[in-house]
Amino acid sequence: MTKNKKVAIIGAGVSGLASIRSCLEEGLEPTCFEKSNDIGGLWKFSGSKEGRASIYKSVFTNSSKEMMCFPDFPYPDNFPNFMHNIKIQEYLTAFAKEKNLLKYIQFKVRCYQHVNKHPDFATTGQWDVTTERDGKRESAVFDAVMVCSGHHVYPNLPKESFPGLNHFKGKCFHSRDYKEPGVFKGKRVLVVGLGNSGCDIATELSHTAEQVLLPGSRSGSWVMSRVWHNGYPWDMVLITRFGTFLKNNLPTAISDWLYMKQMNARFKHENYGLMPLNGHRLS
């Protein structure tokens, strides 16, 4: 009998849990390494910690529960359509327990950046993975490595793009370091960026800070409500097989016109200088 192949999975967030499940379904032997003491990854609120993805306390999902659940494990009916991060964590914990995934996860284990090819990689395709737990390093050989640590760990703060910033007397920081609005009471705040985090933080601060400024972005942006026509979640209305069929079969000019008509249903973006310049699509 052929020995099952061993797979190292780095990170026990959403992708890590899905990877463990997929490996088991394919008859592989997964070992997941998680440097914290719990699953959840980005959705596990833990403040700002070096080398770990971080969210703010009030984060809600932008995707509805109907569109972001595991296929065979729906969210409970009493969960809201758009969930607070605590609810996401509850769901992931329940999923991991229901599917018996926890026994494949080693907690408080750090994987070093150097995951090296095994000396005979050319013939075996194997990898040497070095980990550390309680100051003790260990190495093991795996047939494959799945990196599921996400891309929200290290912030991109291009201070060189803002001439004169070094003379600014206030505090300048990335949204990764924002946790709650209380410390900004009575302050004037400039939020740079019209993405999800920028809009969320600006909205939250508007109830606490003396003044919040959110200048327009370089390329524009569609400003949408999570709740769409007839009270349905936006993604259940806009992301459909029929919509994809129209996009792929209608002339581009017509499909773009229909798309912009939907996006401008609440207000005309052009009137506010928000019309996207890099294409009409959400992507």
Protein backbone atom coordinates (compact mmCIF):
# COMPACT_ATOMS: atom_id res chain seq x y z
CA MET A 1 0.00 0.00 0.00
CA THR A 2 1.33 3.46 -0.90
CA LYS A 3 2.08 5.62 2.11
CA ASN A 4 -0.09 8.73 2.37
CA LYS A 5 1.70 11.93 1.50
CA LYS A 6 2.34 14.39 4.33
CA VAL A 7 1.33 18.02 3.93
CA ALA A 8 2.46 20.94 6.11
CA ILE A 9 -0.13 23.70 6.46
CA ILE A 10 1.04 27.04 7.84
CA GLY A 11 -1.75 28.93 9.58
CA ALA A 12 -5.09 27.85 11.08
CA GLY A 13 -7.33 30.60 9.77
CA VAL A 14 -10.14 30.12 7.27
CA SER A 15 -7.79 28.94 4.50
CA GLY A 16 -5.86 26.70 6.87
CA LEU A 17 -8.99 24.95 8.10
CA ALA A 18 -10.26 24.51 4.54
CA SER A 19 -6.87 23.08 3.55
CA ILE A 20 -6.91 20.55 6.39
CA ARG A 21 -10.37 19.44 5.33
CA SER A 22 -9.37 19.15 1.67
CA CYS A 23 -6.27 17.12 2.51
CA LEU A 24 -8.32 14.67 4.54
CA GLU A 25 -10.83 14.30 1.72
CA GLU A 26 -7.98 13.47 -0.67
CA GLY A 27 -6.40 10.91 1.64
CA LEU A 28 -3.42 13.07 2.61
CA GLU A 29 -1.90 13.52 6.08
CA PRO A 30 -2.07 17.21 7.10
CA THR A 31 -0.15 18.84 9.93
CA CYS A 32 -1.13 22.44 10.58
CA PHE A 33 1.19 24.82 12.41
CA GLU A 34 -0.43 27.80 14.16
CA LYS A 35 1.71 30.24 16.15
CA SER A 36 -1.14 31.52 18.31
CA ASN A 37 -3.15 29.51 20.81
CA ASP A 38 -6.36 29.37 18.77
CA ILE A 39 -7.77 29.03 15.28
CA GLY A 40 -9.35 31.90 13.34
CA GLY A 41 -6.38 33.80 11.97
CA LEU A 42 -7.49 37.29 10.92
CA TRP A 43 -10.92 36.88 12.54
CA LYS A 44 -9.51 36.22 16.02
CA PHE A 45 -9.31 39.69 17.55
CA SER A 46 -6.13 39.95 19.58
CA GLY A 47 -4.93 43.56 19.28
CA SER A 48 -1.83 44.52 17.31
CA LYS A 49 0.82 41.84 17.50
CA GLU A 50 3.95 41.65 15.40
CA GLY A 51 3.77 39.04 12.68
CA ARG A 52 0.03 38.50 13.04
CA ALA A 53 -2.92 39.81 11.03
CA SER A 54 -5.00 42.27 13.00
CA ILE A 55 -8.52 43.70 12.86
CA TYR A 56 -10.37 46.40 14.78
CA LYS A 57 -13.04 45.55 17.34
CA SER A 58 -16.03 46.61 15.26
CA VAL A 59 -15.21 44.69 12.07
CA PHE A 60 -18.21 43.17 10.31
CA THR A 61 -18.11 41.04 7.18
CA ASN A 62 -18.72 42.55 3.75
CA SER A 63 -19.94 39.20 2.45
CA SER A 64 -23.18 37.65 3.65
CA LYS A 65 -23.29 34.42 5.61
CA GLU A 66 -25.09 32.71 2.73
CA MET A 67 -22.16 33.42 0.41
CA MET A 68 -19.19 32.75 2.69
CA CYS A 69 -20.03 29.54 4.52
CA PHE A 70 -18.50 26.14 3.94
CA PRO A 71 -20.80 24.25 1.50
CA ASP A 72 -21.83 21.54 3.95
CA PHE A 73 -21.78 23.65 7.10
CA PRO A 74 -24.18 26.61 6.90
CA TYR A 75 -24.26 29.35 9.50
CA PRO A 76 -26.95 29.04 12.20
CA ASP A 77 -30.26 30.66 11.25
CA ASN A 78 -30.07 33.06 14.18
CA PHE A 79 -26.77 34.56 12.98
CA PRO A 80 -27.13 37.97 11.24
CA ASN A 81 -26.61 38.22 7.47
CA PHE A 82 -23.43 40.26 7.99
CA MET A 83 -21.52 39.10 11.01
CA HIS A 84 -19.32 40.68 13.64
CA ASN A 85 -15.88 39.10 13.92
CA ILE A 86 -16.90 37.34 17.14
CA LYS A 87 -19.62 35.45 15.24
CA ILE A 88 -17.15 34.44 12.54
CA GLN A 89 -14.86 33.06 15.24
CA GLU A 90 -17.76 31.12 16.78
CA TYR A 91 -18.58 29.64 13.38
CA LEU A 92 -14.99 28.62 12.63
CA THR A 93 -14.64 27.01 16.06
CA ALA A 94 -17.85 25.04 15.55
CA PHE A 95 -16.73 23.98 12.07
CA ALA A 96 -13.33 22.78 13.31
CA LYS A 97 -14.94 20.75 16.10
CA GLU A 98 -17.70 19.30 13.91
CA LYS A 99 -15.20 18.16 11.25
CA ASN A 100 -12.68 16.95 13.85
CA LEU A 101 -9.90 19.20 12.52
CA LEU A 102 -8.34 20.36 15.80
CA LYS A 103 -6.30 17.19 16.26
CA TYR A 104 -4.32 18.06 13.13
CA ILE A 105 -3.29 21.50 14.45
CA GLN A 106 -0.20 22.21 16.54
CA PHE A 107 -0.69 25.48 18.44
CA LYS A 108 1.99 27.91 19.62
CA VAL A 109 4.31 26.65 16.92
CA ARG A 110 6.16 29.10 14.73
CA CYS A 111 7.29 28.20 11.22
CA TYR A 112 10.45 29.90 10.10
CA GLN A 113 10.43 31.81 6.84
CA HIS A 114 12.88 29.40 5.27
CA VAL A 115 10.95 26.37 4.12
CA ASN A 116 13.66 24.68 2.12
CA LYS A 117 13.67 22.14 -0.65
CA HIS A 118 14.81 18.73 0.51
CA PRO A 119 18.24 17.70 -0.91
CA ASP A 120 16.53 15.22 -3.26
CA PHE A 121 13.69 17.62 -4.16
CA ALA A 122 14.30 17.08 -7.89
CA THR A 123 13.17 13.47 -7.58
CA THR A 124 10.87 13.50 -4.53
CA GLY A 125 9.42 17.03 -4.51
CA GLN A 126 9.76 17.07 -0.73
CA TRP A 127 10.34 20.02 1.62
CA ASP A 128 12.23 20.56 4.88
CA VAL A 129 10.09 22.54 7.35
CA THR A 130 11.66 23.98 10.50
CA THR A 131 9.41 24.94 13.41
CA GLU A 132 9.91 26.33 16.90
CA ARG A 133 7.94 25.69 20.07
CA ASP A 134 8.98 27.03 23.50
CA GLY A 135 12.41 27.93 22.13
CA LYS A 136 13.02 24.44 20.76
CA ARG A 137 13.47 23.93 17.03
CA GLU A 138 12.40 20.86 15.13
CA SER A 139 12.64 19.87 11.48
CA ALA A 140 10.47 17.51 9.50
CA VAL A 141 10.13 16.42 5.89
CA PHE A 142 6.84 16.97 4.04
CA ASP A 143 5.66 16.06 0.57
CA ALA A 144 3.95 19.43 0.14
CA VAL A 145 3.57 22.77 1.92
CA MET A 146 0.46 24.97 1.92
CA VAL A 147 1.05 28.54 3.08
CA CYS A 148 -2.19 29.82 4.63
CA SER A 149 -0.88 32.74 6.67
CA GLY A 150 -2.75 35.38 4.65
CA HIS A 151 -1.56 38.71 3.25
CA HIS A 152 -2.75 41.13 5.95
CA VAL A 153 0.15 40.66 8.35
CA TYR A 154 2.48 43.50 7.43
CA PRO A 155 1.07 46.99 6.73
CA ASN A 156 2.07 49.07 3.73
CA LEU A 157 2.59 52.66 4.88
CA PRO A 158 4.20 54.61 2.00
CA LYS A 159 5.25 57.70 3.97
CA GLU A 160 7.54 58.76 1.11
CA SER A 161 4.42 59.45 -0.95
CA PHE A 162 3.45 62.30 1.40
CA PRO A 163 6.10 65.05 1.22
CA GLY A 164 6.40 67.03 4.46
CA LEU A 165 4.90 64.26 6.57
CA ASN A 166 8.00 64.32 8.77
CA HIS A 167 6.94 67.79 9.95
CA PHE A 168 3.45 66.63 10.93
CA LYS A 169 2.92 67.05 14.68
CA GLY A 170 0.11 64.54 14.97
CA LYS A 171 0.10 60.76 14.86
CA CYS A 172 0.38 58.88 11.56
CA PHE A 173 -0.34 55.17 11.42
CA HIS A 174 -1.77 52.36 9.29
CA SER A 175 -5.34 51.11 9.69
CA ARG A 176 -3.86 47.87 11.02
CA ASP A 177 -3.10 49.73 14.25
CA TYR A 178 -6.62 51.14 14.60
CA LYS A 179 -8.63 49.27 17.24
CA GLU A 180 -11.42 51.50 18.60
CA PRO A 181 -12.63 55.12 18.25
CA GLY A 182 -12.51 56.29 21.87
CA VAL A 183 -8.94 57.60 21.76
CA PHE A 184 -9.91 60.00 18.94
CA LYS A 185 -12.58 61.86 20.88
CA GLY A 186 -12.41 65.58 20.07
CA LYS A 187 -9.67 65.14 17.47
CA ARG A 188 -9.53 66.01 13.78
CA VAL A 189 -8.78 62.92 11.68
CA LEU A 190 -7.77 62.52 8.04
CA VAL A 191 -8.41 59.04 6.61
CA VAL A 192 -6.45 58.28 3.44
CA GLY A 193 -7.93 55.53 1.29
CA LEU A 194 -11.44 54.74 0.09
CA GLY A 195 -11.31 50.99 0.53
CA ASN A 196 -13.35 48.90 2.96
CA SER A 197 -11.20 49.70 5.99
CA GLY A 198 -10.98 53.42 5.20
CA CYS A 199 -14.75 53.79 4.82
CA ASP A 200 -15.51 51.68 7.89
CA ILE A 201 -13.08 53.58 10.10
CA ALA A 202 -14.15 57.01 8.83
CA THR A 203 -17.80 56.15 9.49
CA GLU A 204 -17.07 54.89 12.99
CA LEU A 205 -14.90 57.89 13.87
CA SER A 206 -17.55 60.33 12.64
CA HIS A 207 -19.54 59.62 15.82
CA THR A 208 -16.59 60.33 18.12
CA ALA A 209 -14.01 62.62 16.54
CA GLU A 210 -14.49 66.38 16.19
CA GLN A 211 -14.04 66.14 12.43
CA VAL A 212 -13.30 63.35 9.97
CA LEU A 213 -12.01 64.01 6.45
CA LEU A 214 -12.14 61.31 3.80
CA PRO A 215 -10.75 62.72 0.54
CA GLY A 216 -11.58 61.07 -2.77
CA SER A 217 -9.35 58.29 -4.04
CA ARG A 218 -7.01 58.42 -7.04
CA SER A 219 -9.05 55.97 -9.11
CA GLY A 220 -12.56 56.31 -7.70
CA SER A 221 -14.64 53.66 -6.02
CA TRP A 222 -18.14 52.20 -5.95
CA VAL A 223 -19.81 53.02 -2.63
CA MET A 224 -22.30 50.29 -1.86
CA SER A 225 -24.66 49.27 0.89
CA ARG A 226 -24.45 45.80 2.36
CA VAL A 227 -28.25 45.66 2.03
CA TRP A 228 -29.47 45.73 -1.56
CA HIS A 229 -32.85 45.60 -3.31
CA ASN A 230 -35.78 44.30 -1.25
CA GLY A 231 -33.52 43.91 1.78
CA TYR A 232 -31.41 41.11 0.31
CA PRO A 233 -27.63 41.03 0.89
CA TRP A 234 -25.80 42.76 -1.96
CA ASP A 235 -23.78 39.70 -2.99
CA MET A 236 -26.86 37.50 -3.33
CA VAL A 237 -28.32 40.03 -5.79
CA LEU A 238 -25.20 40.96 -7.78
CA ILE A 239 -23.16 37.75 -7.81
CA THR A 240 -25.37 35.25 -9.64
CA ARG A 241 -25.02 32.75 -12.47
CA PHE A 242 -27.47 34.79 -14.52
CA GLY A 243 -25.45 37.94 -14.01
CA THR A 244 -22.28 36.15 -15.06
CA PHE A 245 -24.07 34.78 -18.12
CA LEU A 246 -25.11 38.29 -19.17
CA LYS A 247 -21.62 39.66 -18.59
CA ASN A 248 -20.06 36.94 -20.74
CA ASN A 249 -22.57 37.11 -23.59
CA LEU A 250 -23.76 40.69 -23.91
CA PRO A 251 -21.68 43.29 -25.77
CA THR A 252 -19.29 45.02 -23.36
CA ALA A 253 -20.95 48.41 -23.81
CA ILE A 254 -24.36 47.02 -22.80
CA SER A 255 -23.12 44.94 -19.84
CA ASP A 256 -21.11 47.92 -18.54
CA TRP A 257 -24.17 50.16 -18.86
CA LEU A 258 -26.29 47.69 -16.88
CA TYR A 259 -23.60 47.36 -14.25
CA MET A 260 -23.19 51.13 -13.79
CA LYS A 261 -26.96 51.51 -13.59
CA GLN A 262 -26.99 49.09 -10.66
CA MET A 263 -24.07 50.77 -8.92
CA ASN A 264 -25.64 54.23 -9.31
CA ALA A 265 -29.05 53.13 -8.01
CA ARG A 266 -28.60 54.95 -4.67
CA PHE A 267 -26.68 58.00 -5.94
CA LYS A 268 -24.75 59.08 -8.99
CA HIS A 269 -21.06 58.52 -8.27
CA GLU A 270 -19.99 60.96 -10.95
CA ASN A 271 -21.58 63.83 -9.00
CA TYR A 272 -19.17 63.17 -6.14
CA GLY A 273 -16.07 62.50 -8.22
CA LEU A 274 -16.16 58.81 -7.30
CA MET A 275 -16.65 57.19 -10.71
CA PRO A 276 -13.99 54.44 -10.97
CA LEU A 277 -11.36 55.15 -13.60
CA ASN A 278 -9.86 51.68 -13.88
CA GLY A 279 -12.89 49.84 -15.18
CA HIS A 280 -16.50 49.45 -14.23
CA ARG A 281 -16.33 46.17 -12.42
CA LEU A 282 -15.98 45.48 -8.72
CA SER A 283 -12.80 43.57 -9.44
